[in-house]
């Protein structure tokens, strides 16, 4: 399976988060910045966690 990189995530618009007034404080480590009342998600952290999720799924399905 092809690994997603930051450029692919950016082109897909993954970085657009949610309105700043509707958020879970547990997401604070993954928020890059706020712009015009919208949280922008950190794509570097997203790519790492997406890779971890893919690895976990591959491990589960190979068993």
N, C-alpha and C. Protein backbone atom coordinates (compact mmCIF):
# COMPACT_ATOMS: atom_id res chain seq x y z
N UNK A 1 0.84 -1.18 0.00
CA UNK A 1 0.00 0.00 0.00
C UNK A 1 0.89 1.24 0.00
N UNK A 2 0.50 2.25 -0.76
CA UNK A 2 1.26 3.49 -0.84
C UNK A 2 1.10 4.30 0.45
N UNK A 3 2.19 4.86 0.91
CA UNK A 3 2.17 5.67 2.12
C UNK A 3 1.79 7.11 1.75
N UNK A 4 0.93 7.69 2.55
CA UNK A 4 0.53 9.07 2.32
C UNK A 4 1.62 9.99 2.85
N UNK A 5 1.96 11.00 2.07
CA UNK A 5 2.94 11.97 2.54
C UNK A 5 2.23 13.31 2.77
N UNK A 6 2.96 14.26 3.31
CA UNK A 6 2.38 15.55 3.69
C UNK A 6 1.80 16.27 2.46
N UNK A 7 2.48 16.17 1.33
CA UNK A 7 2.00 16.84 0.12
C UNK A 7 0.64 16.28 -0.31
N UNK A 8 0.49 14.95 -0.28
CA UNK A 8 -0.78 14.33 -0.63
C UNK A 8 -1.90 14.75 0.32
N UNK A 9 -1.58 14.80 1.61
CA UNK A 9 -2.57 15.22 2.60
C UNK A 9 -2.99 16.67 2.39
N UNK A 10 -2.03 17.53 2.07
CA UNK A 10 -2.32 18.94 1.83
C UNK A 10 -3.22 19.10 0.61
N UNK A 11 -2.91 18.39 -0.48
CA UNK A 11 -3.72 18.48 -1.69
C UNK A 11 -5.14 17.96 -1.47
N UNK A 12 -5.29 17.00 -0.55
CA UNK A 12 -6.61 16.45 -0.25
C UNK A 12 -7.41 17.34 0.70
N UNK A 13 -6.76 18.34 1.27
CA UNK A 13 -7.46 19.27 2.17
C UNK A 13 -7.64 18.73 3.57
N UNK A 14 -6.81 17.78 3.95
CA UNK A 14 -6.91 17.17 5.27
C UNK A 14 -6.62 18.18 6.38
N UNK A 15 -5.85 19.20 6.08
CA UNK A 15 -5.44 20.15 7.10
C UNK A 15 -6.57 21.03 7.62
N UNK A 16 -7.66 21.13 6.88
CA UNK A 16 -8.78 21.94 7.36
C UNK A 16 -9.48 21.20 8.49
N UNK A 17 -9.48 21.80 9.63
CA UNK A 17 -10.07 21.18 10.81
C UNK A 17 -11.51 21.58 10.99
N UNK A 18 -11.82 22.08 12.15
CA UNK A 18 -13.18 22.42 12.51
C UNK A 18 -13.20 23.81 13.13
N UNK A 19 -14.38 24.30 13.36
CA UNK A 19 -14.50 25.63 13.97
C UNK A 19 -13.89 25.60 15.36
N UNK A 20 -13.25 26.69 15.74
CA UNK A 20 -12.53 26.74 17.01
C UNK A 20 -13.46 26.61 18.21
N UNK A 21 -14.70 26.97 18.07
CA UNK A 21 -15.61 26.88 19.22
C UNK A 21 -16.15 25.47 19.42
N UNK A 22 -15.97 24.58 18.43
CA UNK A 22 -16.45 23.20 18.53
C UNK A 22 -15.26 22.26 18.46
N UNK A 23 -14.56 22.13 19.55
CA UNK A 23 -13.39 21.27 19.53
C UNK A 23 -13.23 20.55 20.85
N UNK A 24 -12.48 19.47 20.81
CA UNK A 24 -12.18 18.68 21.98
C UNK A 24 -10.77 19.06 22.43
N UNK A 25 -10.59 19.44 23.68
CA UNK A 25 -9.26 19.83 24.16
C UNK A 25 -8.20 18.73 24.00
N UNK A 26 -8.61 17.48 23.87
CA UNK A 26 -7.65 16.40 23.65
C UNK A 26 -6.97 16.51 22.28
N UNK A 27 -7.53 17.29 21.39
CA UNK A 27 -6.95 17.49 20.06
C UNK A 27 -5.87 18.57 20.05
N UNK A 28 -5.65 19.24 21.15
CA UNK A 28 -4.69 20.36 21.21
C UNK A 28 -3.30 20.00 20.67
N UNK A 29 -2.74 18.82 20.94
CA UNK A 29 -1.41 18.52 20.41
C UNK A 29 -1.37 18.40 18.88
N UNK A 30 -2.50 18.20 18.25
CA UNK A 30 -2.55 17.98 16.81
C UNK A 30 -2.98 19.21 16.02
N UNK A 31 -3.24 20.30 16.71
CA UNK A 31 -3.65 21.54 16.05
C UNK A 31 -2.41 22.39 15.79
N UNK A 32 -2.23 22.75 14.53
CA UNK A 32 -1.07 23.53 14.12
C UNK A 32 -1.27 25.01 14.43
N UNK A 33 -2.44 25.54 14.05
CA UNK A 33 -2.73 26.95 14.29
C UNK A 33 -4.23 27.20 14.09
N UNK A 34 -4.64 28.43 14.37
CA UNK A 34 -6.01 28.86 14.14
C UNK A 34 -5.98 29.96 13.09
N UNK A 35 -6.90 29.90 12.14
CA UNK A 35 -6.99 30.93 11.12
C UNK A 35 -8.46 31.15 10.79
N UNK A 36 -8.91 32.38 10.93
CA UNK A 36 -10.29 32.76 10.63
C UNK A 36 -11.31 31.88 11.34
N UNK A 37 -11.04 31.54 12.60
CA UNK A 37 -11.98 30.76 13.39
C UNK A 37 -11.98 29.27 13.08
N UNK A 38 -11.00 28.80 12.31
CA UNK A 38 -10.90 27.37 11.96
C UNK A 38 -9.55 26.85 12.47
N UNK A 39 -9.57 25.69 13.09
CA UNK A 39 -8.31 25.06 13.48
C UNK A 39 -7.68 24.40 12.26
N UNK A 40 -6.39 24.56 12.13
CA UNK A 40 -5.62 23.93 11.07
C UNK A 40 -4.86 22.76 11.70
N UNK A 41 -5.05 21.57 11.14
CA UNK A 41 -4.45 20.36 11.68
C UNK A 41 -3.00 20.22 11.23
N UNK A 42 -2.15 19.76 12.12
CA UNK A 42 -0.73 19.55 11.83
C UNK A 42 -0.59 18.30 10.95
N UNK A 43 -0.19 18.50 9.70
CA UNK A 43 -0.11 17.39 8.74
C UNK A 43 1.05 16.45 9.01
N UNK A 44 2.11 16.94 9.61
CA UNK A 44 3.24 16.06 9.91
C UNK A 44 2.83 15.01 10.96
N UNK A 45 2.13 15.46 11.99
CA UNK A 45 1.65 14.53 13.01
C UNK A 45 0.58 13.61 12.43
N UNK A 46 -0.25 14.14 11.54
CA UNK A 46 -1.29 13.33 10.91
C UNK A 46 -0.68 12.22 10.08
N UNK A 47 0.37 12.52 9.33
CA UNK A 47 1.02 11.52 8.49
C UNK A 47 1.63 10.41 9.35
N UNK A 48 2.23 10.78 10.47
CA UNK A 48 2.82 9.79 11.37
C UNK A 48 1.74 8.87 11.93
N UNK A 49 0.66 9.45 12.42
CA UNK A 49 -0.42 8.65 13.01
C UNK A 49 -1.14 7.81 11.96
N UNK A 50 -1.25 8.32 10.74
CA UNK A 50 -1.85 7.55 9.66
C UNK A 50 -0.99 6.33 9.33
N UNK A 51 0.31 6.52 9.34
CA UNK A 51 1.23 5.41 9.12
C UNK A 51 1.11 4.36 10.22
N UNK A 52 1.00 4.82 11.47
CA UNK A 52 0.83 3.89 12.59
C UNK A 52 -0.47 3.10 12.45
N UNK A 53 -1.54 3.78 12.04
CA UNK A 53 -2.82 3.10 11.86
C UNK A 53 -2.74 2.07 10.74
N UNK A 54 -2.08 2.40 9.65
CA UNK A 54 -1.92 1.45 8.54
C UNK A 54 -1.13 0.23 8.97
N UNK A 55 -0.06 0.45 9.74
CA UNK A 55 0.74 -0.66 10.23
C UNK A 55 -0.08 -1.57 11.15
N UNK A 56 -0.89 -0.97 12.01
CA UNK A 56 -1.73 -1.75 12.92
C UNK A 56 -2.75 -2.57 12.13
N UNK A 57 -3.35 -1.96 11.11
CA UNK A 57 -4.33 -2.70 10.29
C UNK A 57 -3.67 -3.84 9.53
N UNK A 58 -2.47 -3.61 9.01
CA UNK A 58 -1.75 -4.69 8.30
C UNK A 58 -1.45 -5.84 9.26
N UNK A 59 -1.07 -5.50 10.50
CA UNK A 59 -0.77 -6.52 11.49
C UNK A 59 -2.03 -7.31 11.85
N UNK A 60 -3.14 -6.63 12.01
CA UNK A 60 -4.40 -7.28 12.36
C UNK A 60 -4.89 -8.19 11.24
N UNK A 61 -4.80 -7.72 10.02
CA UNK A 61 -5.32 -8.51 8.90
C UNK A 61 -4.42 -9.67 8.51
N UNK A 62 -3.14 -9.61 8.90
CA UNK A 62 -2.24 -10.70 8.54
C UNK A 62 -2.36 -11.87 9.52
N UNK A 63 -2.99 -11.65 10.63
CA UNK A 63 -3.10 -12.71 11.66
C UNK A 63 -4.11 -13.76 11.29
